[in-house]
Amino acid sequence: MSDEMCKKDIRGLLKTFGVMADEAIVGHIAKNPNVNTLNFKVILEDLTKYDDENTEKLSLEVTKSINCK
């Protein structure tokens, strides 16, 4: 896969996640109007089946508080 195609796929993944997460969070806030702050953790988990079991898998965790009021 070319570098350009790889970057396009990455951007597509992140865009899809962003849109879905935004819709889920906005819906959650609407269902819980009395909440002042939401605390989230987003985890990126590498599910790839590598031939070499010693290959280090990608792992990323981001935490963030969102003020709703």
N, C-alpha and C. Protein backbone atom coordinates (compact mmCIF):
# COMPACT_ATOMS: atom_id res chain seq x y z
N MET A 1 0.85 -1.17 0.00
CA MET A 1 0.00 0.00 0.00
C MET A 1 0.90 1.24 0.00
N SER A 2 0.54 2.18 -0.80
CA SER A 2 1.34 3.40 -0.87
C SER A 2 1.13 4.24 0.38
N ASP A 3 2.12 5.10 0.65
CA ASP A 3 2.05 5.98 1.80
C ASP A 3 0.81 6.88 1.74
N GLU A 4 0.49 7.34 0.53
CA GLU A 4 -0.68 8.21 0.36
C GLU A 4 -1.98 7.46 0.67
N MET A 5 -2.09 6.22 0.21
CA MET A 5 -3.29 5.42 0.49
C MET A 5 -3.41 5.12 1.98
N CYS A 6 -2.27 4.85 2.61
CA CYS A 6 -2.25 4.56 4.05
C CYS A 6 -2.75 5.78 4.82
N LYS A 7 -2.24 6.96 4.50
CA LYS A 7 -2.67 8.18 5.18
C LYS A 7 -4.15 8.46 4.93
N LYS A 8 -4.64 8.16 3.72
CA LYS A 8 -6.06 8.35 3.41
C LYS A 8 -6.91 7.42 4.29
N ASP A 9 -6.47 6.18 4.44
CA ASP A 9 -7.19 5.23 5.29
C ASP A 9 -7.19 5.67 6.75
N ILE A 10 -6.06 6.20 7.22
CA ILE A 10 -5.97 6.69 8.61
C ILE A 10 -6.93 7.85 8.81
N ARG A 11 -6.91 8.81 7.88
CA ARG A 11 -7.83 9.96 7.98
C ARG A 11 -9.29 9.50 7.95
N GLY A 12 -9.59 8.50 7.13
CA GLY A 12 -10.95 7.97 7.07
C GLY A 12 -11.37 7.34 8.38
N LEU A 13 -10.47 6.57 8.98
CA LEU A 13 -10.75 5.95 10.28
C LEU A 13 -11.03 7.02 11.32
N LEU A 14 -10.16 8.03 11.40
CA LEU A 14 -10.31 9.07 12.41
C LEU A 14 -11.55 9.92 12.17
N LYS A 15 -11.86 10.20 10.91
CA LYS A 15 -13.06 10.98 10.60
C LYS A 15 -14.32 10.21 10.99
N THR A 16 -14.37 8.93 10.66
CA THR A 16 -15.52 8.09 11.02
C THR A 16 -15.68 8.04 12.52
N PHE A 17 -14.57 7.82 13.23
CA PHE A 17 -14.64 7.77 14.69
C PHE A 17 -15.12 9.11 15.24
N GLY A 18 -14.58 10.20 14.72
CA GLY A 18 -14.96 11.53 15.21
C GLY A 18 -16.43 11.81 15.05
N VAL A 19 -16.97 11.48 13.89
CA VAL A 19 -18.40 11.71 13.64
C VAL A 19 -19.25 10.85 14.56
N MET A 20 -18.91 9.57 14.68
CA MET A 20 -19.68 8.67 15.53
C MET A 20 -19.58 9.05 17.00
N ALA A 21 -18.39 9.44 17.44
CA ALA A 21 -18.20 9.83 18.83
C ALA A 21 -18.97 11.11 19.13
N ASP A 22 -18.91 12.06 18.22
CA ASP A 22 -19.65 13.32 18.41
C ASP A 22 -21.13 13.05 18.57
N GLU A 23 -21.70 12.24 17.70
CA GLU A 23 -23.13 11.93 17.78
C GLU A 23 -23.46 11.23 19.09
N ALA A 24 -22.62 10.29 19.51
CA ALA A 24 -22.86 9.56 20.75
C ALA A 24 -22.78 10.47 21.97
N ILE A 25 -21.78 11.35 22.00
CA ILE A 25 -21.59 12.24 23.15
C ILE A 25 -22.72 13.26 23.22
N VAL A 26 -23.08 13.86 22.09
CA VAL A 26 -24.18 14.84 22.08
C VAL A 26 -25.48 14.17 22.53
N GLY A 27 -25.74 12.96 22.06
CA GLY A 27 -26.92 12.23 22.49
C GLY A 27 -26.90 11.91 23.97
N HIS A 28 -25.73 11.55 24.47
CA HIS A 28 -25.58 11.24 25.89
C HIS A 28 -25.83 12.48 26.76
N ILE A 29 -25.30 13.60 26.32
CA ILE A 29 -25.53 14.86 27.05
C ILE A 29 -27.02 15.21 27.06
N ALA A 30 -27.70 15.01 25.93
CA ALA A 30 -29.14 15.30 25.85
C ALA A 30 -29.94 14.41 26.81
N LYS A 31 -29.51 13.17 26.99
CA LYS A 31 -30.21 12.24 27.89
C LYS A 31 -29.87 12.49 29.35
N ASN A 32 -28.79 13.22 29.60
CA ASN A 32 -28.33 13.47 30.97
C ASN A 32 -28.07 14.97 31.16
N PRO A 33 -29.13 15.79 31.10
CA PRO A 33 -28.96 17.25 31.11
C PRO A 33 -28.43 17.81 32.43
N ASN A 34 -28.47 17.05 33.51
CA ASN A 34 -28.01 17.56 34.80
C ASN A 34 -26.53 17.33 35.04
N VAL A 35 -25.85 16.69 34.12
CA VAL A 35 -24.42 16.43 34.29
C VAL A 35 -23.64 17.68 33.87
N ASN A 36 -22.74 18.11 34.74
CA ASN A 36 -21.93 19.30 34.44
C ASN A 36 -20.67 18.95 33.68
N THR A 37 -20.04 17.83 34.04
CA THR A 37 -18.77 17.44 33.42
C THR A 37 -18.79 15.95 33.12
N LEU A 38 -18.38 15.60 31.92
CA LEU A 38 -18.21 14.20 31.54
C LEU A 38 -16.71 13.91 31.45
N ASN A 39 -16.31 12.74 31.90
CA ASN A 39 -14.92 12.33 31.86
C ASN A 39 -14.80 11.11 30.95
N PHE A 40 -14.01 11.25 29.90
CA PHE A 40 -13.88 10.21 28.89
C PHE A 40 -12.46 9.68 28.78
N LYS A 41 -12.40 8.44 28.36
CA LYS A 41 -11.14 7.82 27.98
C LYS A 41 -11.35 7.18 26.62
N VAL A 42 -10.48 7.50 25.67
CA VAL A 42 -10.52 6.90 24.34
C VAL A 42 -9.28 6.02 24.21
N ILE A 43 -9.50 4.78 23.81
CA ILE A 43 -8.40 3.83 23.68
C ILE A 43 -8.32 3.34 22.24
N LEU A 44 -7.14 3.45 21.67
CA LEU A 44 -6.87 2.90 20.34
C LEU A 44 -6.15 1.58 20.54
N GLU A 45 -6.76 0.50 20.12
CA GLU A 45 -6.22 -0.84 20.34
C GLU A 45 -5.88 -1.48 19.00
N ASP A 46 -4.67 -1.93 18.87
CA ASP A 46 -4.19 -2.60 17.66
C ASP A 46 -4.66 -4.05 17.69
N LEU A 47 -5.53 -4.43 16.76
CA LEU A 47 -6.08 -5.78 16.70
C LEU A 47 -5.40 -6.65 15.64
N THR A 48 -4.32 -6.13 15.07
CA THR A 48 -3.61 -6.81 13.99
C THR A 48 -3.04 -8.14 14.48
N LYS A 49 -3.15 -9.17 13.64
CA LYS A 49 -2.52 -10.47 13.90
C LYS A 49 -1.18 -10.46 13.20
N TYR A 50 -0.12 -10.21 13.95
CA TYR A 50 1.23 -10.16 13.39
C TYR A 50 1.82 -11.56 13.30
N ASP A 51 2.62 -11.80 12.26
CA ASP A 51 3.31 -13.08 12.12
C ASP A 51 4.29 -13.29 13.27
N ASP A 52 4.99 -12.24 13.65
CA ASP A 52 5.95 -12.30 14.75
C ASP A 52 5.24 -11.90 16.04
N GLU A 53 5.06 -12.85 16.94
CA GLU A 53 4.33 -12.58 18.19
C GLU A 53 5.04 -11.56 19.07
N ASN A 54 6.31 -11.29 18.80
CA ASN A 54 7.07 -10.32 19.59
C ASN A 54 6.90 -8.89 19.09
N THR A 55 6.15 -8.72 18.01
CA THR A 55 5.91 -7.37 17.48
C THR A 55 5.13 -6.55 18.50
N GLU A 56 5.64 -5.37 18.79
CA GLU A 56 4.96 -4.48 19.73
C GLU A 56 3.74 -3.88 19.05
N LYS A 57 2.58 -4.04 19.68
CA LYS A 57 1.34 -3.51 19.11
C LYS A 57 1.16 -2.06 19.52
N LEU A 58 0.51 -1.31 18.64
CA LEU A 58 0.21 0.09 18.90
C LEU A 58 -0.82 0.19 20.02
N SER A 59 -0.57 1.08 20.95
CA SER A 59 -1.50 1.31 22.04
C SER A 59 -1.50 2.80 22.35
N LEU A 60 -2.69 3.39 22.37
CA LEU A 60 -2.82 4.82 22.65
C LEU A 60 -4.05 5.04 23.51
N GLU A 61 -3.88 5.83 24.56
CA GLU A 61 -4.98 6.14 25.46
C GLU A 61 -5.00 7.65 25.69
N VAL A 62 -6.19 8.24 25.52
CA VAL A 62 -6.36 9.67 25.72
C VAL A 62 -7.53 9.89 26.68
N THR A 63 -7.31 10.70 27.70
CA THR A 63 -8.39 11.03 28.62
C THR A 63 -8.68 12.54 28.52
N LYS A 64 -9.95 12.87 28.73
CA LYS A 64 -10.36 14.28 28.59
C LYS A 64 -11.66 14.49 29.33
N SER A 65 -11.76 15.63 30.01
CA SER A 65 -13.01 16.05 30.62
C SER A 65 -13.70 17.02 29.69
N ILE A 66 -15.03 16.89 29.63
CA ILE A 66 -15.82 17.77 28.77
C ILE A 66 -16.82 18.51 29.65
N ASN A 67 -16.75 19.83 29.63
CA ASN A 67 -17.69 20.66 30.38
C ASN A 67 -18.99 20.79 29.58
N CYS A 68 -20.09 20.42 30.22
CA CYS A 68 -21.38 20.40 29.53
C CYS A 68 -22.23 21.64 29.83
N LYS A 69 -21.84 22.43 30.75
CA LYS A 69 -22.64 23.61 31.13
C LYS A 69 -21.92 24.87 30.76
